[in-house]
PDB file of N, CA and C in Angstrom:
ATOM      1  N   UNK A   1       7.840 -14.281 181.498  1.00  0.00           N
ATOM      2  CA  UNK A   1       8.906 -15.180 181.856  1.00  0.00           C
ATOM      3  C   UNK A   1       8.289 -16.336 182.644  1.00  0.00           C
ATOM      4  N   UNK A   2       8.480 -17.556 182.187  1.00  0.00           N
ATOM      5  CA  UNK A   2       7.915 -18.696 182.902  1.00  0.00           C
ATOM      6  C   UNK A   2       9.010 -19.647 183.330  1.00  0.00           C
ATOM      7  N   UNK A   3       8.700 -20.391 184.367  1.00  0.00           N
ATOM      8  CA  UNK A   3       9.630 -21.386 184.883  1.00  0.00           C
ATOM      9  C   UNK A   3       8.934 -22.730 184.771  1.00  0.00           C
ATOM     10  N   UNK A   4       9.388 -23.599 183.867  1.00  0.00           N
ATOM     11  CA  UNK A   4       8.718 -24.861 183.623  1.00  0.00           C
ATOM     12  C   UNK A   4       8.781 -25.801 184.815  1.00  0.00           C
ATOM     13  N   UNK A   5       9.698 -25.592 185.744  1.00  0.00           N
ATOM     14  CA  UNK A   5       9.822 -26.447 186.924  1.00  0.00           C
ATOM     15  C   UNK A   5       8.821 -26.074 188.009  1.00  0.00           C
ATOM     16  N   UNK A   6       8.161 -24.940 187.878  1.00  0.00           N
ATOM     17  CA  UNK A   6       7.199 -24.481 188.865  1.00  0.00           C
ATOM     18  C   UNK A   6       5.806 -24.921 188.437  1.00  0.00           C
ATOM     19  N   UNK A   7       5.060 -25.556 189.348  1.00  0.00           N
ATOM     20  CA  UNK A   7       3.705 -25.973 189.036  1.00  0.00           C
ATOM     21  C   UNK A   7       2.728 -24.994 189.663  1.00  0.00           C
ATOM     22  N   UNK A   8       1.579 -24.827 189.026  1.00  0.00           N
ATOM     23  CA  UNK A   8       0.571 -23.944 189.595  1.00  0.00           C
ATOM     24  C   UNK A   8      -0.009 -24.595 190.835  1.00  0.00           C
ATOM     25  N   UNK A   9      -0.294 -23.764 191.836  1.00  0.00           N
ATOM     26  CA  UNK A   9      -0.770 -24.259 193.118  1.00  0.00           C
ATOM     27  C   UNK A   9      -1.999 -23.484 193.547  1.00  0.00           C
ATOM     28  N   UNK A  10      -2.670 -24.042 194.549  1.00  0.00           N
ATOM     29  CA  UNK A  10      -3.835 -23.420 195.164  1.00  0.00           C
ATOM     30  C   UNK A  10      -3.553 -23.349 196.662  1.00  0.00           C
ATOM     31  N   UNK A  11      -3.725 -22.157 197.254  1.00  0.00           N
ATOM     32  CA  UNK A  11      -3.437 -21.969 198.665  1.00  0.00           C
ATOM     33  C   UNK A  11      -4.600 -21.220 199.305  1.00  0.00           C
ATOM     34  N   UNK A  12      -5.125 -21.759 200.422  1.00  0.00           N
ATOM     35  CA  UNK A  12      -6.152 -21.053 201.180  1.00  0.00           C
ATOM     36  C   UNK A  12      -5.477 -20.156 202.208  1.00  0.00           C
ATOM     37  N   UNK A  13      -5.983 -18.928 202.331  1.00  0.00           N
ATOM     38  CA  UNK A  13      -5.402 -17.911 203.196  1.00  0.00           C
ATOM     39  C   UNK A  13      -6.433 -17.488 204.232  1.00  0.00           C
ATOM     40  N   UNK A  14      -5.998 -17.266 205.458  1.00  0.00           N
ATOM     41  CA  UNK A  14      -6.867 -16.723 206.506  1.00  0.00           C
ATOM     42  C   UNK A  14      -6.378 -15.322 206.862  1.00  0.00           C
ATOM     43  N   UNK A  15      -7.131 -14.641 207.699  1.00  0.00           N
ATOM     44  CA  UNK A  15      -6.799 -13.265 208.076  1.00  0.00           C
ATOM     45  C   UNK A  15      -5.420 -13.158 208.727  1.00  0.00           C
ATOM     46  N   UNK A  16      -4.970 -14.211 209.389  1.00  0.00           N
ATOM     47  CA  UNK A  16      -3.653 -14.182 210.040  1.00  0.00           C
ATOM     48  C   UNK A  16      -2.507 -14.041 209.035  1.00  0.00           C
ATOM     49  N   UNK A  17      -2.738 -14.412 207.772  1.00  0.00           N
ATOM     50  CA  UNK A  17      -1.692 -14.364 206.743  1.00  0.00           C
ATOM     51  C   UNK A  17      -1.605 -13.009 206.050  1.00  0.00           C
ATOM     52  N   UNK A  18      -2.503 -12.092 206.404  1.00  0.00           N
ATOM     53  CA  UNK A  18      -2.500 -10.782 205.745  1.00  0.00           C
ATOM     54  C   UNK A  18      -1.537  -9.824 206.411  1.00  0.00           C
ATOM     55  N   UNK A  19      -0.891  -8.948 205.703  1.00  0.00           N
ATOM     56  CA  UNK A  19      -0.906  -8.834 204.257  1.00  0.00           C
ATOM     57  C   UNK A  19      -0.181 -10.012 203.617  1.00  0.00           C
ATOM     58  N   UNK A  20      -0.639 -10.415 202.446  1.00  0.00           N
ATOM     59  CA  UNK A  20      -0.122 -11.595 201.769  1.00  0.00           C
ATOM     60  C   UNK A  20       0.921 -11.214 200.736  1.00  0.00           C
ATOM     61  N   UNK A  21       2.010 -11.960 200.745  1.00  0.00           N
ATOM     62  CA  UNK A  21       3.069 -11.786 199.758  1.00  0.00           C
ATOM     63  C   UNK A  21       3.395 -13.130 199.138  1.00  0.00           C
ATOM     64  N   UNK A  22       3.752 -13.132 197.866  1.00  0.00           N
ATOM     65  CA  UNK A  22       4.188 -14.342 197.179  1.00  0.00           C
ATOM     66  C   UNK A  22       5.597 -14.087 196.669  1.00  0.00           C
ATOM     67  N   UNK A  23       6.483 -15.039 196.831  1.00  0.00           N
ATOM     68  CA  UNK A  23       6.297 -16.331 197.475  1.00  0.00           C
ATOM     69  C   UNK A  23       6.240 -16.199 198.991  1.00  0.00           C
ATOM     70  N   UNK A  24       5.540 -17.145 199.616  1.00  0.00           N
ATOM     71  CA  UNK A  24       5.444 -17.165 201.069  1.00  0.00           C
ATOM     72  C   UNK A  24       6.664 -17.871 201.642  1.00  0.00           C
ATOM     73  N   UNK A  25       6.959 -17.668 202.919  1.00  0.00           N
ATOM     74  CA  UNK A  25       8.099 -18.353 203.527  1.00  0.00           C
ATOM     75  C   UNK A  25       7.971 -19.873 203.501  1.00  0.00           C
ATOM     76  N   UNK A  26       6.752 -20.394 203.380  1.00  0.00           N
ATOM     77  CA  UNK A  26       6.546 -21.850 203.365  1.00  0.00           C
ATOM     78  C   UNK A  26       6.901 -22.485 202.023  1.00  0.00           C
ATOM     79  N   UNK A  27       7.099 -21.692 200.990  1.00  0.00           N
ATOM     80  CA  UNK A  27       7.397 -22.219 199.663  1.00  0.00           C
ATOM     81  C   UNK A  27       8.854 -22.666 199.604  1.00  0.00           C
ATOM     82  N   UNK A  28       9.083 -23.882 199.115  1.00  0.00           N
ATOM     83  CA  UNK A  28      10.445 -24.409 199.009  1.00  0.00           C
ATOM     84  C   UNK A  28      11.318 -23.538 198.124  1.00  0.00           C
ATOM     85  N   UNK A  29      10.749 -23.022 197.042  1.00  0.00           N
ATOM     86  CA  UNK A  29      11.511 -22.186 196.125  1.00  0.00           C
ATOM     87  C   UNK A  29      11.229 -20.717 196.400  1.00  0.00           C
ATOM     88  N   UNK A  30      11.483 -20.285 197.642  1.00  0.00           N
ATOM     89  CA  UNK A  30      11.124 -18.936 198.064  1.00  0.00           C
ATOM     90  C   UNK A  30      11.802 -17.859 197.235  1.00  0.00           C
ATOM     91  N   UNK A  31      12.886 -18.196 196.581  1.00  0.00           N
ATOM     92  CA  UNK A  31      13.571 -17.189 195.772  1.00  0.00           C
ATOM     93  C   UNK A  31      13.283 -17.359 194.283  1.00  0.00           C
ATOM     94  N   UNK A  32      12.203 -18.034 193.930  1.00  0.00           N
ATOM     95  CA  UNK A  32      11.889 -18.313 192.537  1.00  0.00           C
ATOM     96  C   UNK A  32      11.523 -17.056 191.742  1.00  0.00           C
ATOM     97  N   UNK A  33      10.940 -16.073 192.389  1.00  0.00           N
ATOM     98  CA  UNK A  33      10.587 -14.827 191.719  1.00  0.00           C
ATOM     99  C   UNK A  33      10.572 -13.711 192.753  1.00  0.00           C
ATOM    100  N   UNK A  34      10.506 -12.455 192.300  1.00  0.00           N
ATOM    101  CA  UNK A  34      10.480 -11.334 193.248  1.00  0.00           C
ATOM    102  C   UNK A  34       9.278 -11.419 194.175  1.00  0.00           C
ATOM    103  N   UNK A  35       9.436 -10.944 195.382  1.00  0.00           N
ATOM    104  CA  UNK A  35       8.355 -10.939 196.369  1.00  0.00           C
ATOM    105  C   UNK A  35       7.384  -9.809 196.021  1.00  0.00           C
ATOM    106  N   UNK A  36       6.117 -10.158 195.874  1.00  0.00           N
ATOM    107  CA  UNK A  36       5.111  -9.159 195.540  1.00  0.00           C
ATOM    108  C   UNK A  36       3.896  -9.311 196.441  1.00  0.00           C
ATOM    109  N   UNK A  37       3.181  -8.218 196.636  1.00  0.00           N
ATOM    110  CA  UNK A  37       1.944  -8.237 197.416  1.00  0.00           C
ATOM    111  C   UNK A  37       0.832  -8.836 196.569  1.00  0.00           C
ATOM    112  N   UNK A  38       0.022  -9.686 197.182  1.00  0.00           N
ATOM    113  CA  UNK A  38      -1.121 -10.304 196.521  1.00  0.00           C
ATOM    114  C   UNK A  38      -2.383  -9.766 197.202  1.00  0.00           C
ATOM    115  N   UNK A  39      -3.224  -9.009 196.500  1.00  0.00           N
ATOM    116  CA  UNK A  39      -4.387  -8.360 197.108  1.00  0.00           C
ATOM    117  C   UNK A  39      -5.597  -9.297 197.249  1.00  0.00           C
ATOM    118  N   UNK A  40      -5.421 -10.406 197.916  1.00  0.00           N
ATOM    119  CA  UNK A  40      -6.470 -11.415 198.051  1.00  0.00           C
ATOM    120  C   UNK A  40      -7.675 -10.899 198.832  1.00  0.00           C
ATOM    121  N   UNK A  41      -7.470  -9.932 199.711  1.00  0.00           N
ATOM    122  CA  UNK A  41      -8.565  -9.444 200.540  1.00  0.00           C
ATOM    123  C   UNK A  41      -9.557  -8.578 199.754  1.00  0.00           C
ATOM    124  N   UNK A  42      -9.214  -8.133 198.571  1.00  0.00           N
ATOM    125  CA  UNK A  42     -10.115  -7.279 197.793  1.00  0.00           C
ATOM    126  C   UNK A  42     -11.256  -8.054 197.149  1.00  0.00           C
ATOM    127  N   UNK A  43     -10.963  -9.197 196.546  1.00  0.00           N
ATOM    128  CA  UNK A  43     -11.990  -9.961 195.842  1.00  0.00           C
ATOM    129  C   UNK A  43     -12.212 -11.358 196.424  1.00  0.00           C
ATOM    130  N   UNK A  44     -11.404 -11.727 197.410  1.00  0.00           N
ATOM    131  CA  UNK A  44     -11.538 -13.057 197.992  1.00  0.00           C
ATOM    132  C   UNK A  44     -10.608 -14.071 197.366  1.00  0.00           C
ATOM    133  N   UNK A  45     -10.037 -13.734 196.212  1.00  0.00           N
ATOM    134  CA  UNK A  45      -9.026 -14.587 195.592  1.00  0.00           C
ATOM    135  C   UNK A  45      -8.179 -13.754 194.653  1.00  0.00           C
ATOM    136  N   UNK A  46      -6.961 -14.218 194.439  1.00  0.00           N
ATOM    137  CA  UNK A  46      -6.048 -13.533 193.534  1.00  0.00           C
ATOM    138  C   UNK A  46      -4.966 -14.509 193.111  1.00  0.00           C
ATOM    139  N   UNK A  47      -4.442 -14.301 191.917  1.00  0.00           N
ATOM    140  CA  UNK A  47      -3.418 -15.177 191.365  1.00  0.00           C
ATOM    141  C   UNK A  47      -2.093 -14.412 191.262  1.00  0.00           C
ATOM    142  N   UNK A  48      -1.002 -15.085 191.602  1.00  0.00           N
ATOM    143  CA  UNK A  48       0.322 -14.482 191.464  1.00  0.00           C
ATOM    144  C   UNK A  48       0.665 -14.392 189.976  1.00  0.00           C
ATOM    145  N   UNK A  49       1.027 -13.199 189.495  1.00  0.00           N
ATOM    146  CA  UNK A  49       1.347 -13.063 188.075  1.00  0.00           C
ATOM    147  C   UNK A  49       2.654 -13.743 187.679  1.00  0.00           C
ATOM    148  N   UNK A  50       3.507 -14.055 188.636  1.00  0.00           N
ATOM    149  CA  UNK A  50       4.780 -14.708 188.334  1.00  0.00           C
ATOM    150  C   UNK A  50       4.660 -16.229 188.262  1.00  0.00           C
ATOM    151  N   UNK A  51       4.139 -16.857 189.330  1.00  0.00           N
ATOM    152  CA  UNK A  51       4.138 -18.322 189.400  1.00  0.00           C
ATOM    153  C   UNK A  51       2.771 -18.945 189.163  1.00  0.00           C
ATOM    154  N   UNK A  52       1.724 -18.126 189.127  1.00  0.00           N
ATOM    155  CA  UNK A  52       0.390 -18.645 188.860  1.00  0.00           C
ATOM    156  C   UNK A  52      -0.322 -19.231 190.061  1.00  0.00           C
ATOM    157  N   UNK A  53       0.276 -19.154 191.249  1.00  0.00           N
ATOM    158  CA  UNK A  53      -0.378 -19.685 192.439  1.00  0.00           C
ATOM    159  C   UNK A  53      -1.677 -18.929 192.680  1.00  0.00           C
ATOM    160  N   UNK A  54      -2.759 -19.668 192.900  1.00  0.00           N
ATOM    161  CA  UNK A  54      -4.059 -19.071 193.190  1.00  0.00           C
ATOM    162  C   UNK A  54      -4.246 -19.049 194.697  1.00  0.00           C
ATOM    163  N   UNK A  55      -4.436 -17.866 195.253  1.00  0.00           N
ATOM    164  CA  UNK A  55      -4.677 -17.692 196.680  1.00  0.00           C
ATOM    165  C   UNK A  55      -6.150 -17.393 196.877  1.00  0.00           C
ATOM    166  N   UNK A  56      -6.818 -18.161 197.750  1.00  0.00           N
ATOM    167  CA  UNK A  56      -8.231 -17.929 198.059  1.00  0.00           C
ATOM    168  C   UNK A  56      -8.359 -17.654 199.545  1.00  0.00           C
ATOM    169  N   UNK A  57      -9.125 -16.615 199.853  1.00  0.00           N
ATOM    170  CA  UNK A  57      -9.330 -16.249 201.241  1.00  0.00           C
ATOM    171  C   UNK A  57     -10.388 -17.156 201.839  1.00  0.00           C
ATOM    172  N   UNK A  58     -10.095 -17.715 202.987  1.00  0.00           N
ATOM    173  CA  UNK A  58     -11.035 -18.602 203.696  1.00  0.00           C
ATOM    174  C   UNK A  58     -11.539 -17.866 204.925  1.00  0.00           C
ATOM    175  N   UNK A  59     -12.854 -17.746 205.049  1.00  0.00           N
ATOM    176  CA  UNK A  59     -13.443 -17.029 206.171  1.00  0.00           C
ATOM    177  C   UNK A  59     -14.012 -15.704 205.717  1.00  0.00           C
ATOM    178  N   UNK A  60     -14.337 -14.869 206.686  1.00  0.00           N
ATOM    179  CA  UNK A  60     -14.910 -13.562 206.389  1.00  0.00           C
ATOM    180  C   UNK A  60     -13.809 -12.602 205.972  1.00  0.00           C
ATOM    181  N   UNK A  61     -14.050 -11.906 204.890  1.00  0.00           N
ATOM    182  CA  UNK A  61     -13.076 -10.918 204.422  1.00  0.00           C
ATOM    183  C   UNK A  61     -12.971  -9.780 205.423  1.00  0.00           C
ATOM    184  N   UNK A  62     -11.759  -9.286 205.688  1.00  0.00           N
ATOM    185  CA  UNK A  62     -11.604  -8.178 206.624  1.00  0.00           C
ATOM    186  C   UNK A  62     -12.234  -6.907 206.071  1.00  0.00           C
ATOM    187  N   UNK A  63     -12.728  -6.076 206.958  1.00  0.00           N
ATOM    188  CA  UNK A  63     -13.322  -4.798 206.570  1.00  0.00           C
ATOM    189  C   UNK A  63     -12.237  -3.729 206.591  1.00  0.00           C
ATOM    190  N   UNK A  64     -12.256  -2.842 205.619  1.00  0.00           N
ATOM    191  CA  UNK A  64     -11.257  -1.780 205.535  1.00  0.00           C
ATOM    192  C   UNK A  64     -11.482  -0.713 206.592  1.00  0.00           C
ATOM    193  N   UNK A  65     -10.447   0.032 206.863  1.00  0.00           N
ATOM    194  CA  UNK A  65     -10.534   1.144 207.799  1.00  0.00           C
ATOM    195  C   UNK A  65     -10.930   2.395 207.037  1.00  0.00           C
ATOM    196  N   UNK A  66     -11.908   3.135 207.537  1.00  0.00           N
ATOM    197  CA  UNK A  66     -12.355   4.343 206.847  1.00  0.00           C
ATOM    198  C   UNK A  66     -12.061   5.546 207.678  1.00  0.00           C
TER     199      UNK A  66
END
């Protein structure tokens, strides 16, 4: 399902934004699609499967708890 009015975006994320969900509260169309978790901390970047927004982690990736 695509929305032609939505443009693909690029967003840099820092550790303060984790856990990351899309859409974020800063998005004008916050209700454009269901809110989902974006696992950007696993690979350093991840794309939202709904709107195509590319999230890239800026800085050192957080270390997991073992």
